[in-house]
Amino acid sequence: MTFGRPPEVWLVTGIPGAGKTSVARALAERLDRSAVIEGDALRAWVVRGAAWPEGGTLDGEAERQYELAIRNMCLLARSYAEGGFTPFLDLVVVTRYHLEAFRGYLRGARLRLVVLAPSIEVTLERDRARGGKTGEAWAQLDVTLRGELAGLGLWVDSSTLSVEQTVDVILDRQAEALLPPL
């Protein structure tokens, strides 16, 4: 399939509890043809031998599997884009190195980066309310994310916004989310 212009892919990130999955899905629901690719769901496809970060730290096998998830998310995104869908990718991305991996795998696509950055207090409360994750162990990721990705993409402090209000802000300011091509 060919395009009149490069396909568009959205990457929605933030630390656990920032609202990535809810916002990515709500953004996708605003379009006629869209898909959401959840990185954690894709990583859960590994049945035996899965290695998840411990205490927010990626190293060794956990890092290798995280990078595999990035590559596979991008392959799926390209496939959906070629099928005429706008893909929304949802993953905790806190380092420039990992963002550059997305950019490399998606070379030629128009990549929009949305960083959800509510206050750490709000994020931890959301994480506690949904259960199943330990927000305290991930809190240091906020400092890393703000240092590594500062100045890139569209940053939204959604501390006092509903999911729908957050989506409205993103769509109103979507030009700010577009990353320059590599």
C-alpha atoms as a PDB file:
ATOM      1  CA  MET A   1       0.000   0.000   0.000  1.00  0.00           C
ATOM      2  CA  THR A   2       1.321   3.481  -0.771  1.00  0.00           C
ATOM      3  CA  PHE A   3       0.606   6.783   0.911  1.00  0.00           C
ATOM      4  CA  GLY A   4       0.284  10.309  -0.432  1.00  0.00           C
ATOM      5  CA  ARG A   5       2.214  11.339   2.674  1.00  0.00           C
ATOM      6  CA  PRO A   6       4.111   9.403   5.312  1.00  0.00           C
ATOM      7  CA  PRO A   7       1.976   7.426   7.774  1.00  0.00           C
ATOM      8  CA  GLU A   8       1.329   8.943  11.168  1.00  0.00           C
ATOM      9  CA  VAL A   9       2.133   7.127  14.420  1.00  0.00           C
ATOM     10  CA  TRP A  10       1.486   8.427  17.930  1.00  0.00           C
ATOM     11  CA  LEU A  11       3.579   7.413  20.952  1.00  0.00           C
ATOM     12  CA  VAL A  12       1.896   8.093  24.294  1.00  0.00           C
ATOM     13  CA  THR A  13       4.202   7.776  27.282  1.00  0.00           C
ATOM     14  CA  GLY A  14       4.602   8.670  30.940  1.00  0.00           C
ATOM     15  CA  ILE A  15       5.394   6.778  34.119  1.00  0.00           C
ATOM     16  CA  PRO A  16       3.020   4.085  35.429  1.00  0.00           C
ATOM     17  CA  GLY A  17      -0.197   5.744  36.564  1.00  0.00           C
ATOM     18  CA  ALA A  18       0.178   8.735  34.226  1.00  0.00           C
ATOM     19  CA  GLY A  19      -2.822   7.634  32.151  1.00  0.00           C
ATOM     20  CA  LYS A  20      -1.122   6.336  28.999  1.00  0.00           C
ATOM     21  CA  THR A  21      -3.508   3.495  28.244  1.00  0.00           C
ATOM     22  CA  SER A  22      -6.685   5.464  28.958  1.00  0.00           C
ATOM     23  CA  VAL A  23      -5.519   8.482  26.968  1.00  0.00           C
ATOM     24  CA  ALA A  24      -4.179   6.442  24.025  1.00  0.00           C
ATOM     25  CA  ARG A  25      -7.492   4.591  23.779  1.00  0.00           C
ATOM     26  CA  ALA A  26      -9.539   7.805  24.084  1.00  0.00           C
ATOM     27  CA  LEU A  27      -7.383   9.477  21.397  1.00  0.00           C
ATOM     28  CA  ALA A  28      -7.854   6.476  19.108  1.00  0.00           C
ATOM     29  CA  GLU A  29     -11.617   6.604  19.657  1.00  0.00           C
ATOM     30  CA  ARG A  30     -11.686  10.128  18.187  1.00  0.00           C
ATOM     31  CA  LEU A  31     -10.517   8.857  14.779  1.00  0.00           C
ATOM     32  CA  ASP A  32     -12.427   6.822  12.210  1.00  0.00           C
ATOM     33  CA  ARG A  33      -9.645   4.256  11.746  1.00  0.00           C
ATOM     34  CA  SER A  34      -7.203   3.678  14.573  1.00  0.00           C
ATOM     35  CA  ALA A  35      -5.469   1.000  16.617  1.00  0.00           C
ATOM     36  CA  VAL A  36      -3.903   0.949  20.080  1.00  0.00           C
ATOM     37  CA  ILE A  37      -0.778  -1.115  20.648  1.00  0.00           C
ATOM     38  CA  GLU A  38      -0.099  -1.561  24.359  1.00  0.00           C
ATOM     39  CA  GLY A  39       3.537  -2.333  25.062  1.00  0.00           C
ATOM     40  CA  ASP A  40       2.849  -4.100  28.357  1.00  0.00           C
ATOM     41  CA  ALA A  41       0.226  -6.331  26.709  1.00  0.00           C
ATOM     42  CA  LEU A  42       2.669  -7.181  23.944  1.00  0.00           C
ATOM     43  CA  ARG A  43       5.404  -7.929  26.489  1.00  0.00           C
ATOM     44  CA  ALA A  44       2.973 -10.282  28.268  1.00  0.00           C
ATOM     45  CA  TRP A  45       2.909 -12.448  25.140  1.00  0.00           C
ATOM     46  CA  VAL A  46       6.159 -13.988  26.383  1.00  0.00           C
ATOM     47  CA  VAL A  47       4.911 -17.094  28.176  1.00  0.00           C
ATOM     48  CA  ARG A  48       8.135 -18.501  29.621  1.00  0.00           C
ATOM     49  CA  GLY A  49      11.329 -16.629  30.299  1.00  0.00           C
ATOM     50  CA  ALA A  50       9.753 -13.190  30.627  1.00  0.00           C
ATOM     51  CA  ALA A  51      11.982 -10.648  32.351  1.00  0.00           C
ATOM     52  CA  TRP A  52      10.363  -7.488  33.671  1.00  0.00           C
ATOM     53  CA  PRO A  53      12.169  -4.500  35.164  1.00  0.00           C
ATOM     54  CA  GLU A  54      12.756  -4.709  38.887  1.00  0.00           C
ATOM     55  CA  GLY A  55      12.327  -1.507  40.856  1.00  0.00           C
ATOM     56  CA  GLY A  56      12.073   0.467  37.632  1.00  0.00           C
ATOM     57  CA  THR A  57      15.496  -0.691  36.431  1.00  0.00           C
ATOM     58  CA  LEU A  58      16.043  -2.219  33.014  1.00  0.00           C
ATOM     59  CA  ASP A  59      19.146  -4.311  32.579  1.00  0.00           C
ATOM     60  CA  GLY A  60      20.274  -7.587  31.067  1.00  0.00           C
ATOM     61  CA  GLU A  61      17.424  -9.745  29.849  1.00  0.00           C
ATOM     62  CA  ALA A  62      14.746  -7.243  30.923  1.00  0.00           C
ATOM     63  CA  GLU A  63      16.390  -4.598  28.716  1.00  0.00           C
ATOM     64  CA  ARG A  64      16.656  -7.016  25.786  1.00  0.00           C
ATOM     65  CA  GLN A  65      12.974  -7.931  26.051  1.00  0.00           C
ATOM     66  CA  TYR A  66      11.959  -4.273  26.423  1.00  0.00           C
ATOM     67  CA  GLU A  67      13.850  -3.440  23.223  1.00  0.00           C
ATOM     68  CA  LEU A  68      12.202  -6.433  21.525  1.00  0.00           C
ATOM     69  CA  ALA A  69       8.824  -5.009  22.543  1.00  0.00           C
ATOM     70  CA  ILE A  70       9.742  -1.638  21.027  1.00  0.00           C
ATOM     71  CA  ARG A  71      10.720  -3.291  17.746  1.00  0.00           C
ATOM     72  CA  ASN A  72       7.537  -5.381  17.656  1.00  0.00           C
ATOM     73  CA  MET A  73       5.351  -2.392  18.544  1.00  0.00           C
ATOM     74  CA  CYS A  74       6.876  -0.534  15.603  1.00  0.00           C
ATOM     75  CA  LEU A  75       6.367  -3.480  13.249  1.00  0.00           C
ATOM     76  CA  LEU A  76       2.709  -3.628  14.271  1.00  0.00           C
ATOM     77  CA  ALA A  77       2.391   0.142  13.947  1.00  0.00           C
ATOM     78  CA  ARG A  78       3.749   0.015  10.392  1.00  0.00           C
ATOM     79  CA  SER A  79       1.388  -2.822   9.531  1.00  0.00           C
ATOM     80  CA  TYR A  80      -1.649  -0.963  10.877  1.00  0.00           C
ATOM     81  CA  ALA A  81      -0.553   2.255   9.161  1.00  0.00           C
ATOM     82  CA  GLU A  82      -0.170   0.418   5.863  1.00  0.00           C
ATOM     83  CA  GLY A  83      -3.718  -0.863   6.386  1.00  0.00           C
ATOM     84  CA  GLY A  84      -5.003   2.696   6.722  1.00  0.00           C
ATOM     85  CA  PHE A  85      -5.176   2.883  10.514  1.00  0.00           C
ATOM     86  CA  THR A  86      -3.524   5.460  12.753  1.00  0.00           C
ATOM     87  CA  PRO A  87      -1.615   3.527  15.427  1.00  0.00           C
ATOM     88  CA  PHE A  88      -1.291   4.780  18.995  1.00  0.00           C
ATOM     89  CA  LEU A  89       1.588   3.208  20.911  1.00  0.00           C
ATOM     90  CA  ASP A  90       1.412   2.990  24.713  1.00  0.00           C
ATOM     91  CA  LEU A  91       4.592   2.271  26.671  1.00  0.00           C
ATOM     92  CA  VAL A  92       6.660   3.683  29.508  1.00  0.00           C
ATOM     93  CA  VAL A  93       9.543   5.348  27.644  1.00  0.00           C
ATOM     94  CA  VAL A  94      11.822   7.375  29.894  1.00  0.00           C
ATOM     95  CA  THR A  95      15.144   7.508  28.077  1.00  0.00           C
ATOM     96  CA  ARG A  96      16.213   9.264  24.917  1.00  0.00           C
ATOM     97  CA  TYR A  97      17.934   6.034  23.870  1.00  0.00           C
ATOM     98  CA  HIS A  98      14.607   4.166  23.826  1.00  0.00           C
ATOM     99  CA  LEU A  99      12.829   7.052  22.114  1.00  0.00           C
ATOM    100  CA  GLU A 100      15.503   6.969  19.417  1.00  0.00           C
ATOM    101  CA  ALA A 101      14.836   3.242  18.986  1.00  0.00           C
ATOM    102  CA  PHE A 102      11.189   4.075  18.184  1.00  0.00           C
ATOM    103  CA  ARG A 103      12.310   6.803  15.802  1.00  0.00           C
ATOM    104  CA  GLY A 104      14.720   4.458  14.044  1.00  0.00           C
ATOM    105  CA  TYR A 105      12.196   1.649  13.600  1.00  0.00           C
ATOM    106  CA  LEU A 106       9.574   4.164  12.435  1.00  0.00           C
ATOM    107  CA  ARG A 107      11.891   6.069  10.085  1.00  0.00           C
ATOM    108  CA  GLY A 108       9.830   7.684   7.339  1.00  0.00           C
ATOM    109  CA  ALA A 109       6.674   7.895   9.467  1.00  0.00           C
ATOM    110  CA  ARG A 110       5.383  11.088  11.059  1.00  0.00           C
ATOM    111  CA  LEU A 111       5.912  10.342  14.758  1.00  0.00           C
ATOM    112  CA  ARG A 112       3.975  12.295  17.354  1.00  0.00           C
ATOM    113  CA  LEU A 113       5.201  12.037  20.953  1.00  0.00           C
ATOM    114  CA  VAL A 114       2.844  12.795  23.833  1.00  0.00           C
ATOM    115  CA  VAL A 115       4.353  12.755  27.323  1.00  0.00           C
ATOM    116  CA  LEU A 116       1.753  12.604  30.080  1.00  0.00           C
ATOM    117  CA  ALA A 117       3.328  14.313  33.072  1.00  0.00           C
ATOM    118  CA  PRO A 118       0.919  14.703  35.965  1.00  0.00           C
ATOM    119  CA  SER A 119       2.455  15.459  39.347  1.00  0.00           C
ATOM    120  CA  ILE A 120       4.151  12.534  41.022  1.00  0.00           C
ATOM    121  CA  GLU A 121       1.594  12.679  43.864  1.00  0.00           C
ATOM    122  CA  VAL A 122      -1.314  12.335  41.416  1.00  0.00           C
ATOM    123  CA  THR A 123       0.451   9.560  39.510  1.00  0.00           C
ATOM    124  CA  LEU A 124       1.163   7.560  42.652  1.00  0.00           C
ATOM    125  CA  GLU A 125      -2.438   7.942  43.835  1.00  0.00           C
ATOM    126  CA  ARG A 126      -3.761   6.739  40.447  1.00  0.00           C
ATOM    127  CA  ASP A 127      -1.362   3.811  40.537  1.00  0.00           C
ATOM    128  CA  ARG A 128      -2.436   2.854  44.067  1.00  0.00           C
ATOM    129  CA  ALA A 129      -6.123   3.145  43.156  1.00  0.00           C
ATOM    130  CA  ARG A 130      -5.863   0.686  40.284  1.00  0.00           C
ATOM    131  CA  GLY A 131      -3.851  -1.859  42.280  1.00  0.00           C
ATOM    132  CA  GLY A 132      -1.485  -4.475  40.944  1.00  0.00           C
ATOM    133  CA  LYS A 133       1.538  -2.190  40.615  1.00  0.00           C
ATOM    134  CA  THR A 134       3.794  -0.592  43.158  1.00  0.00           C
ATOM    135  CA  GLY A 135       3.953   3.081  42.266  1.00  0.00           C
ATOM    136  CA  GLU A 136       6.598   3.834  44.868  1.00  0.00           C
ATOM    137  CA  ALA A 137       9.096   1.591  43.056  1.00  0.00           C
ATOM    138  CA  TRP A 138       8.482   3.491  39.815  1.00  0.00           C
ATOM    139  CA  ALA A 139       8.550   7.035  41.203  1.00  0.00           C
ATOM    140  CA  GLN A 140      12.219   7.573  40.306  1.00  0.00           C
ATOM    141  CA  LEU A 141      11.248   7.134  36.659  1.00  0.00           C
ATOM    142  CA  ASP A 142       9.570  10.545  36.782  1.00  0.00           C
ATOM    143  CA  VAL A 143      12.908  12.289  37.384  1.00  0.00           C
ATOM    144  CA  THR A 144      14.574  10.299  34.597  1.00  0.00           C
ATOM    145  CA  LEU A 145      11.756  10.947  32.137  1.00  0.00           C
ATOM    146  CA  ARG A 146      11.737  14.695  32.818  1.00  0.00           C
ATOM    147  CA  GLY A 147      15.518  14.874  32.375  1.00  0.00           C
ATOM    148  CA  GLU A 148      15.862  12.625  29.344  1.00  0.00           C
ATOM    149  CA  LEU A 149      12.864  13.686  27.250  1.00  0.00           C
ATOM    150  CA  ALA A 150      12.648  17.381  28.179  1.00  0.00           C
ATOM    151  CA  GLY A 151      11.907  19.548  25.181  1.00  0.00           C
ATOM    152  CA  LEU A 152      10.729  16.676  22.984  1.00  0.00           C
ATOM    153  CA  GLY A 153       7.125  16.266  21.876  1.00  0.00           C
ATOM    154  CA  LEU A 154       4.025  17.543  23.620  1.00  0.00           C
ATOM    155  CA  TRP A 155       4.060  17.498  27.421  1.00  0.00           C
ATOM    156  CA  VAL A 156       0.703  17.520  29.191  1.00  0.00           C
ATOM    157  CA  ASP A 157       0.294  17.964  32.936  1.00  0.00           C
ATOM    158  CA  SER A 158      -2.956  16.069  33.332  1.00  0.00           C
ATOM    159  CA  SER A 159      -3.003  16.305  37.131  1.00  0.00           C
ATOM    160  CA  THR A 160      -6.351  18.123  37.186  1.00  0.00           C
ATOM    161  CA  LEU A 161      -7.721  16.972  33.817  1.00  0.00           C
ATOM    162  CA  SER A 162     -10.112  14.161  32.993  1.00  0.00           C
ATOM    163  CA  VAL A 163      -9.162  11.730  30.228  1.00  0.00           C
ATOM    164  CA  GLU A 164     -11.457  13.581  27.808  1.00  0.00           C
ATOM    165  CA  GLN A 165     -10.011  16.968  28.773  1.00  0.00           C
ATOM    166  CA  THR A 166      -6.510  15.573  28.311  1.00  0.00           C
ATOM    167  CA  VAL A 167      -7.437  14.333  24.830  1.00  0.00           C
ATOM    168  CA  ASP A 168      -8.888  17.755  23.984  1.00  0.00           C
ATOM    169  CA  VAL A 169      -5.600  19.425  24.994  1.00  0.00           C
ATOM    170  CA  ILE A 170      -3.586  16.926  22.958  1.00  0.00           C
ATOM    171  CA  LEU A 171      -5.696  17.361  19.843  1.00  0.00           C
ATOM    172  CA  ASP A 172      -5.680  21.155  20.184  1.00  0.00           C
ATOM    173  CA  ARG A 173      -1.878  21.143  20.488  1.00  0.00           C
ATOM    174  CA  GLN A 174      -1.021  18.127  18.321  1.00  0.00           C
ATOM    175  CA  ALA A 175       1.392  20.128  16.132  1.00  0.00           C
ATOM    176  CA  GLU A 176       3.680  20.347  19.180  1.00  0.00           C
ATOM    177  CA  ALA A 177       3.765  16.546  19.401  1.00  0.00           C
ATOM    178  CA  LEU A 178       5.279  16.050  15.936  1.00  0.00           C
ATOM    179  CA  LEU A 179       8.935  15.072  16.168  1.00  0.00           C
ATOM    180  CA  PRO A 180      11.286  16.210  13.415  1.00  0.00           C
ATOM    181  CA  PRO A 181      12.328  13.451  11.017  1.00  0.00           C
ATOM    182  CA  LEU A 182      15.632  11.711  11.609  1.00  0.00           C
END
